[in-house]
Amino acid sequence: MPVEVRAFPYFLSLTLFTSCVSVPTKDPSGKSLIMSPEEFERIKWASRVLTREELEAREQAFRKEKEAIVDAVTTRKKIMKQKEMVWRNNKKLNDLEEVAKERAQNLLQRANKLRMEQEEELKDMSKVGALHCFPPLIHTLDNMGSSWRGRRHIVQQMEKNQEERSLLAEQREQEKEHLLEYMEQLQEEDLR
């Protein structure tokens, strides 16, 4: 029993001490600030004075990061512009090809129609008589040859015009490309 008596006063004194301590629920001065440990560490780190070398290293890292971002953006712009140009060129070529194809089909249809008409005329003439139709037959054959030469000339002209249009389109695209490159150079100079 004597052990219990010794432990009792110690326990009693601890209980009395804790019961005497009071923790205020409000700040009496009103000047206390409560913050999280992360916020405290951030403020502590921000208040640290950096050396000149650290400042230069930080600025250099910032510049490198900015240059990398600008380079990536310009690269993406160039790629997108190239893709757009290729798409436009293909679209224009397709339109031109369709027009040329329609013209060629129309010419072929007209040529076939004329050939069939001329063949019918020749059959009719051969029925009339060989002796009486030699001069008109020669004249008809001359007309047929000139019409074929005329068709050939028209087809050659169409091909020549197509080549000229494609050269002009290519020249315009090159001029656009040079202008875009020049504008990008001006933008880069403005950024610097």
Protein backbone atom coordinates (compact mmCIF):
# COMPACT_ATOMS: atom_id res chain seq x y z
CA MET A 1 0.00 0.00 0.00
CA PRO A 2 2.77 2.47 0.59
CA VAL A 3 3.51 2.37 -3.20
CA GLU A 4 0.04 3.63 -4.00
CA VAL A 5 0.45 6.52 -1.62
CA ARG A 6 3.65 7.65 -3.31
CA ALA A 7 2.09 7.49 -6.79
CA PHE A 8 -1.00 9.33 -5.71
CA PRO A 9 0.60 12.69 -4.83
CA TYR A 10 2.54 12.69 -8.14
CA PHE A 11 -0.62 12.03 -10.12
CA LEU A 12 -2.42 14.62 -8.10
CA SER A 13 0.23 17.25 -8.71
CA LEU A 14 0.14 16.56 -12.49
CA THR A 15 -3.61 16.86 -12.50
CA LEU A 16 -3.47 20.10 -10.57
CA PHE A 17 -0.88 21.53 -12.96
CA THR A 18 -2.86 20.74 -16.09
CA SER A 19 -6.03 22.03 -14.61
CA CYS A 20 -4.35 25.36 -13.81
CA VAL A 21 -3.18 25.96 -17.40
CA SER A 22 -5.76 27.79 -19.49
CA VAL A 23 -5.60 28.10 -23.27
CA PRO A 24 -7.32 31.24 -24.57
CA THR A 25 -9.84 30.74 -27.36
CA LYS A 26 -9.26 34.22 -28.81
CA ASP A 27 -6.05 36.16 -29.37
CA PRO A 28 -6.02 38.97 -26.80
CA SER A 29 -3.64 41.18 -28.82
CA GLY A 30 -5.24 40.54 -32.24
CA LYS A 31 -1.81 40.55 -33.91
CA SER A 32 -1.20 36.82 -34.19
CA LEU A 33 -1.12 35.17 -37.59
CA ILE A 34 -2.02 31.54 -38.18
CA MET A 35 -0.58 29.90 -41.32
CA SER A 36 0.17 26.48 -42.66
CA PRO A 37 3.71 25.07 -42.54
CA GLU A 38 3.88 25.13 -46.35
CA GLU A 39 3.03 28.82 -46.43
CA PHE A 40 5.63 29.50 -43.74
CA GLU A 41 8.31 27.64 -45.75
CA ARG A 42 7.35 29.56 -48.91
CA ILE A 43 7.66 32.91 -47.14
CA LYS A 44 10.93 31.86 -45.55
CA TRP A 45 12.33 30.79 -48.94
CA ALA A 46 11.13 33.99 -50.66
CA SER A 47 12.72 36.20 -48.00
CA ARG A 48 16.11 34.60 -48.58
CA VAL A 49 18.57 36.98 -50.28
CA LEU A 50 20.09 35.45 -53.40
CA THR A 51 23.71 35.95 -54.39
CA ARG A 52 24.64 37.51 -57.71
CA GLU A 53 25.58 34.12 -59.17
CA GLU A 54 22.26 32.63 -58.13
CA LEU A 55 20.38 35.56 -59.68
CA GLU A 56 22.33 35.25 -62.95
CA ALA A 57 21.77 31.49 -63.04
CA ARG A 58 18.04 32.01 -62.46
CA GLU A 59 17.83 34.66 -65.22
CA GLN A 60 19.79 32.46 -67.63
CA ALA A 61 17.52 29.49 -66.91
CA PHE A 62 14.48 31.71 -67.46
CA ARG A 63 15.90 32.96 -70.79
CA LYS A 64 16.66 29.42 -71.96
CA GLU A 65 13.17 28.28 -71.05
CA LYS A 66 11.63 31.25 -72.88
CA GLU A 67 13.77 30.62 -75.98
CA ALA A 68 12.83 26.94 -75.96
CA ILE A 69 9.14 27.86 -75.80
CA VAL A 70 9.49 30.41 -78.62
CA ASP A 71 11.41 27.88 -80.76
CA ALA A 72 8.77 25.23 -80.15
CA VAL A 73 5.98 27.65 -81.04
CA THR A 74 7.69 28.82 -84.25
CA THR A 75 8.40 25.22 -85.25
CA ARG A 76 4.75 24.30 -84.74
CA LYS A 77 3.68 27.39 -86.72
CA LYS A 78 5.96 26.48 -89.63
CA ILE A 79 4.71 22.89 -89.66
CA MET A 80 1.08 24.02 -89.60
CA LYS A 81 1.71 26.58 -92.39
CA GLN A 82 3.43 23.95 -94.52
CA LYS A 83 0.55 21.53 -93.99
CA GLU A 84 -1.93 24.26 -94.88
CA MET A 85 0.02 25.16 -98.04
CA VAL A 86 0.18 21.52 -99.12
CA TRP A 87 -3.54 21.18 -98.50
CA ARG A 88 -4.30 24.35 -100.49
CA ASN A 89 -2.03 23.27 -103.36
CA ASN A 90 -3.70 19.87 -103.52
CA LYS A 91 -7.12 21.46 -103.42
CA LYS A 92 -6.24 23.91 -106.22
CA LEU A 93 -4.65 21.18 -108.31
CA ASN A 94 -7.74 19.04 -107.87
CA ASP A 95 -9.97 21.90 -109.02
CA LEU A 96 -7.75 22.58 -112.03
CA GLU A 97 -7.57 18.90 -112.85
CA GLU A 98 -11.35 18.64 -112.76
CA VAL A 99 -11.73 21.59 -115.15
CA ALA A 100 -9.10 20.17 -117.50
CA LYS A 101 -10.73 16.74 -117.36
CA GLU A 102 -14.15 18.19 -118.20
CA ARG A 103 -12.70 20.13 -121.14
CA ALA A 104 -10.87 17.07 -122.43
CA GLN A 105 -14.06 14.98 -122.19
CA ASN A 106 -16.04 17.64 -124.04
CA LEU A 107 -13.42 17.77 -126.77
CA LEU A 108 -13.40 13.99 -127.09
CA GLN A 109 -17.18 13.89 -127.34
CA ARG A 110 -17.18 16.58 -130.02
CA ALA A 111 -14.39 14.82 -131.92
CA ASN A 112 -16.24 11.49 -131.80
CA LYS A 113 -19.45 13.14 -132.93
CA LEU A 114 -17.71 14.86 -135.85
CA ARG A 115 -15.93 11.65 -136.83
CA MET A 116 -19.18 9.71 -136.86
CA GLU A 117 -20.88 12.42 -138.94
CA GLN A 118 -18.01 12.43 -141.40
CA GLU A 119 -18.06 8.64 -141.66
CA GLU A 120 -21.78 8.79 -142.44
CA GLU A 121 -21.13 11.43 -145.09
CA LEU A 122 -18.44 9.24 -146.63
CA LYS A 123 -20.81 6.26 -146.73
CA ASP A 124 -23.48 8.40 -148.37
CA MET A 125 -20.98 9.67 -150.93
CA SER A 126 -19.75 6.24 -151.76
CA LYS A 127 -23.31 5.22 -152.57
CA VAL A 128 -23.76 8.08 -155.04
CA GLY A 129 -20.88 7.03 -157.20
CA ALA A 130 -17.15 6.96 -157.12
CA LEU A 131 -16.58 9.04 -160.28
CA HIS A 132 -18.83 11.92 -159.35
CA CYS A 133 -17.68 12.27 -155.75
CA PHE A 134 -13.88 12.43 -156.11
CA PRO A 135 -13.59 16.25 -155.94
CA PRO A 136 -16.03 16.57 -153.01
CA LEU A 137 -14.39 13.59 -151.34
CA ILE A 138 -10.99 15.22 -151.60
CA HIS A 139 -12.47 18.43 -150.24
CA THR A 140 -14.08 16.52 -147.33
CA LEU A 141 -10.82 14.75 -146.55
CA ASP A 142 -9.02 18.11 -146.52
CA ASN A 143 -11.63 19.48 -144.12
CA MET A 144 -11.23 16.44 -141.87
CA GLY A 145 -7.45 16.87 -141.79
CA SER A 146 -7.76 20.55 -140.96
CA SER A 147 -10.30 19.83 -138.21
CA TRP A 148 -7.94 17.21 -136.71
CA ARG A 149 -5.09 19.71 -136.88
CA GLY A 150 -7.32 22.30 -135.24
CA ARG A 151 -8.24 19.88 -132.45
CA ARG A 152 -4.59 18.98 -131.95
CA HIS A 153 -3.74 22.70 -131.79
CA ILE A 154 -6.51 23.28 -129.20
CA VAL A 155 -5.27 20.39 -127.05
CA GLN A 156 -1.70 21.72 -127.25
CA GLN A 157 -2.94 25.17 -126.28
CA MET A 158 -4.82 23.71 -123.31
CA GLU A 159 -1.71 21.86 -122.14
CA LYS A 160 0.38 25.00 -122.53
CA ASN A 161 -2.17 27.07 -120.58
CA GLN A 162 -2.25 24.40 -117.85
CA GLU A 163 1.54 24.51 -117.55
CA GLU A 164 1.51 28.31 -117.37
CA ARG A 165 -1.18 28.24 -114.66
CA SER A 166 0.74 25.70 -112.61
CA LEU A 167 3.96 27.74 -112.96
CA LEU A 168 2.11 30.89 -111.88
CA ALA A 169 0.56 29.08 -108.93
CA GLU A 170 3.94 27.72 -107.91
CA GLN A 171 5.50 31.18 -108.21
CA ARG A 172 2.71 32.68 -106.07
CA GLU A 173 3.21 30.00 -103.43
CA GLN A 174 6.94 30.68 -103.35
CA GLU A 175 6.27 34.40 -102.98
CA LYS A 176 3.83 33.67 -100.12
CA GLU A 177 6.41 31.43 -98.49
CA HIS A 178 9.11 34.10 -98.73
CA LEU A 179 6.70 36.69 -97.35
CA LEU A 180 5.76 34.41 -94.43
CA GLU A 181 9.43 33.77 -93.65
CA TYR A 182 10.12 37.50 -93.75
CA MET A 183 7.18 38.17 -91.43
CA GLU A 184 8.42 35.50 -89.02
CA GLN A 185 11.87 37.10 -89.02
CA LEU A 186 10.27 40.44 -88.19
CA GLN A 187 8.29 38.82 -85.37
CA GLU A 188 11.41 37.20 -83.96
CA GLU A 189 13.23 40.55 -84.08
CA ASP A 190 10.29 42.18 -82.29
CA LEU A 191 10.41 39.50 -79.58
CA ARG A 192 14.10 40.18 -78.99
